[in-house]
Amino acid sequence: VDAIKTYSEAKKWQYLGATKVKNNEVTLVKVCIPEIGKLVWPQGPHMSALLPCGNLGIYKKGGKTEVSMLHASYMHKLVPTPEMEEASTTAQPLLEDMLNNALK
């Protein structure tokens, strides 16, 4: 969680926080990428729930820390517009880079 927060802050992303759920077994982390938001906001405030935020779950499995992340393609699948396709395809490599670099 700390590595994701440090990475997102270094990238000037918005770190929206971490919340423990499921009896403190899972930590949900959310970060938003402003440059992707610029692609979504022009479509209207009703798209705010689809903003290109990294939605991550961090938990222990077999003594190791595991991370799950919602694939950015969900935005385009839910709203199949060219704008959402651009937002999705732009966001995914940025989120993957976060995972690859922050979680070494």
C-alpha atoms as a PDB file:
ATOM      1  CA  VAL A   1       0.000   0.000   0.000  1.00  0.00           C
ATOM      2  CA  ASP A   2       2.803   2.403   0.888  1.00  0.00           C
ATOM      3  CA  ALA A   3       4.608   1.648  -2.390  1.00  0.00           C
ATOM      4  CA  ILE A   4       1.487   2.411  -4.407  1.00  0.00           C
ATOM      5  CA  LYS A   5       0.938   5.647  -2.488  1.00  0.00           C
ATOM      6  CA  THR A   6       4.557   6.724  -3.019  1.00  0.00           C
ATOM      7  CA  TYR A   7       4.429   5.842  -6.725  1.00  0.00           C
ATOM      8  CA  SER A   8       1.153   7.664  -7.338  1.00  0.00           C
ATOM      9  CA  GLU A   9       2.296  10.763  -5.479  1.00  0.00           C
ATOM     10  CA  ALA A  10       5.574  10.826  -7.449  1.00  0.00           C
ATOM     11  CA  LYS A  11       3.530  10.682 -10.678  1.00  0.00           C
ATOM     12  CA  LYS A  12       1.287  13.505  -9.410  1.00  0.00           C
ATOM     13  CA  TRP A  13      -1.715  11.185  -9.440  1.00  0.00           C
ATOM     14  CA  GLN A  14      -4.450  11.528  -6.866  1.00  0.00           C
ATOM     15  CA  TYR A  15      -4.062   8.997  -4.075  1.00  0.00           C
ATOM     16  CA  LEU A  16      -7.595   8.661  -2.752  1.00  0.00           C
ATOM     17  CA  GLY A  17      -6.711   6.344   0.067  1.00  0.00           C
ATOM     18  CA  ALA A  18      -6.810   2.833   1.389  1.00  0.00           C
ATOM     19  CA  THR A  19      -9.593   1.135   3.299  1.00  0.00           C
ATOM     20  CA  LYS A  20      -9.453  -2.173   5.131  1.00  0.00           C
ATOM     21  CA  VAL A  21     -12.399  -4.502   4.537  1.00  0.00           C
ATOM     22  CA  LYS A  22     -13.318  -8.150   5.170  1.00  0.00           C
ATOM     23  CA  ASN A  23     -12.157  -8.161   8.798  1.00  0.00           C
ATOM     24  CA  ASN A  24      -8.970  -6.290   7.831  1.00  0.00           C
ATOM     25  CA  GLU A  25      -7.984  -9.109   5.444  1.00  0.00           C
ATOM     26  CA  VAL A  26      -8.164  -6.962   2.293  1.00  0.00           C
ATOM     27  CA  THR A  27      -7.030  -3.387   1.723  1.00  0.00           C
ATOM     28  CA  LEU A  28      -8.793  -1.535  -1.074  1.00  0.00           C
ATOM     29  CA  VAL A  29      -6.643   1.174  -2.660  1.00  0.00           C
ATOM     30  CA  LYS A  30      -7.781   3.838  -5.092  1.00  0.00           C
ATOM     31  CA  VAL A  31      -5.664   6.187  -7.194  1.00  0.00           C
ATOM     32  CA  CYS A  32      -6.777   8.472 -10.019  1.00  0.00           C
ATOM     33  CA  ILE A  33      -4.780   9.493 -13.064  1.00  0.00           C
ATOM     34  CA  PRO A  34      -5.541  13.131 -13.970  1.00  0.00           C
ATOM     35  CA  GLU A  35      -4.544  12.858 -17.640  1.00  0.00           C
ATOM     36  CA  ILE A  36      -7.102  10.095 -18.105  1.00  0.00           C
ATOM     37  CA  GLY A  37      -9.718  12.088 -16.256  1.00  0.00           C
ATOM     38  CA  LYS A  38      -9.317  14.764 -18.923  1.00  0.00           C
ATOM     39  CA  LEU A  39     -10.600  12.213 -21.446  1.00  0.00           C
ATOM     40  CA  VAL A  40     -13.587  11.210 -19.323  1.00  0.00           C
ATOM     41  CA  TRP A  41     -14.812  14.501 -17.801  1.00  0.00           C
ATOM     42  CA  PRO A  42     -15.853  16.044 -21.154  1.00  0.00           C
ATOM     43  CA  GLN A  43     -18.407  13.249 -21.507  1.00  0.00           C
ATOM     44  CA  GLY A  44     -20.287  14.642 -18.517  1.00  0.00           C
ATOM     45  CA  PRO A  45     -20.378  14.377 -14.730  1.00  0.00           C
ATOM     46  CA  HIS A  46     -22.553  11.257 -15.001  1.00  0.00           C
ATOM     47  CA  MET A  47     -19.359   9.435 -16.020  1.00  0.00           C
ATOM     48  CA  SER A  48     -17.616  10.252 -12.736  1.00  0.00           C
ATOM     49  CA  ALA A  49     -18.163   6.744 -11.381  1.00  0.00           C
ATOM     50  CA  LEU A  50     -16.155   5.413 -14.328  1.00  0.00           C
ATOM     51  CA  LEU A  51     -13.178   7.680 -13.819  1.00  0.00           C
ATOM     52  CA  PRO A  52      -9.927   5.896 -14.626  1.00  0.00           C
ATOM     53  CA  CYS A  53      -8.973   5.181 -11.105  1.00  0.00           C
ATOM     54  CA  GLY A  54      -6.846   2.258 -10.166  1.00  0.00           C
ATOM     55  CA  ASN A  55      -9.052   0.024  -8.095  1.00  0.00           C
ATOM     56  CA  LEU A  56      -6.786  -2.395  -6.286  1.00  0.00           C
ATOM     57  CA  GLY A  57      -7.278  -5.081  -3.687  1.00  0.00           C
ATOM     58  CA  ILE A  58      -4.257  -6.065  -1.589  1.00  0.00           C
ATOM     59  CA  TYR A  59      -4.350  -9.199   0.528  1.00  0.00           C
ATOM     60  CA  LYS A  60      -2.264 -12.117   1.814  1.00  0.00           C
ATOM     61  CA  LYS A  61      -2.434 -15.540   0.195  1.00  0.00           C
ATOM     62  CA  GLY A  62      -0.179 -18.375   1.239  1.00  0.00           C
ATOM     63  CA  GLY A  63       1.989 -15.954   3.218  1.00  0.00           C
ATOM     64  CA  LYS A  64       2.573 -13.704   0.191  1.00  0.00           C
ATOM     65  CA  THR A  65       1.103 -10.331  -0.613  1.00  0.00           C
ATOM     66  CA  GLU A  66      -1.213 -10.481  -3.626  1.00  0.00           C
ATOM     67  CA  VAL A  67      -2.601  -7.556  -5.616  1.00  0.00           C
ATOM     68  CA  SER A  68      -5.674  -7.574  -7.815  1.00  0.00           C
ATOM     69  CA  MET A  69      -6.515  -4.652 -10.076  1.00  0.00           C
ATOM     70  CA  LEU A  70      -9.573  -3.833 -12.118  1.00  0.00           C
ATOM     71  CA  HIS A  71      -8.546  -3.742 -15.803  1.00  0.00           C
ATOM     72  CA  ALA A  72      -9.139  -0.297 -17.318  1.00  0.00           C
ATOM     73  CA  SER A  73     -11.073  -1.825 -20.209  1.00  0.00           C
ATOM     74  CA  TYR A  74     -14.135  -1.860 -17.948  1.00  0.00           C
ATOM     75  CA  MET A  75     -14.732   1.781 -18.858  1.00  0.00           C
ATOM     76  CA  HIS A  76     -15.075   1.051 -22.566  1.00  0.00           C
ATOM     77  CA  LYS A  77     -17.060  -2.125 -21.991  1.00  0.00           C
ATOM     78  CA  LEU A  78     -19.620  -0.246 -19.910  1.00  0.00           C
ATOM     79  CA  VAL A  79     -19.666   2.827 -22.155  1.00  0.00           C
ATOM     80  CA  PRO A  80     -18.670   1.749 -25.673  1.00  0.00           C
ATOM     81  CA  THR A  81     -17.751   5.144 -27.079  1.00  0.00           C
ATOM     82  CA  PRO A  82     -14.535   6.143 -28.866  1.00  0.00           C
ATOM     83  CA  GLU A  83     -13.738   8.474 -25.966  1.00  0.00           C
ATOM     84  CA  MET A  84     -13.984   5.685 -23.399  1.00  0.00           C
ATOM     85  CA  GLU A  85     -11.961   3.396 -25.613  1.00  0.00           C
ATOM     86  CA  GLU A  86      -9.191   6.015 -25.686  1.00  0.00           C
ATOM     87  CA  ALA A  87      -9.399   6.461 -21.908  1.00  0.00           C
ATOM     88  CA  SER A  88      -9.251   2.702 -21.343  1.00  0.00           C
ATOM     89  CA  THR A  89      -6.363   2.018 -23.693  1.00  0.00           C
ATOM     90  CA  THR A  90      -4.397   4.975 -22.328  1.00  0.00           C
ATOM     91  CA  ALA A  91      -5.004   4.111 -18.668  1.00  0.00           C
ATOM     92  CA  GLN A  92      -4.167   0.410 -18.707  1.00  0.00           C
ATOM     93  CA  PRO A  93      -0.429   0.692 -19.490  1.00  0.00           C
ATOM     94  CA  LEU A  94      -0.094   3.457 -16.892  1.00  0.00           C
ATOM     95  CA  LEU A  95      -1.682   1.241 -14.245  1.00  0.00           C
ATOM     96  CA  GLU A  96       0.430  -1.747 -15.294  1.00  0.00           C
ATOM     97  CA  ASP A  97       3.553   0.404 -15.038  1.00  0.00           C
ATOM     98  CA  MET A  98       2.505   1.344 -11.522  1.00  0.00           C
ATOM     99  CA  LEU A  99       2.215  -2.328 -10.583  1.00  0.00           C
ATOM    100  CA  ASN A 100       5.498  -3.260 -12.253  1.00  0.00           C
ATOM    101  CA  ASN A 101       7.458  -0.431 -10.641  1.00  0.00           C
ATOM    102  CA  ALA A 102       5.814   0.110  -7.268  1.00  0.00           C
ATOM    103  CA  LEU A 103       5.562  -3.553  -6.366  1.00  0.00           C
ATOM    104  CA  LYS A 104       9.066  -4.796  -7.109  1.00  0.00           C
END
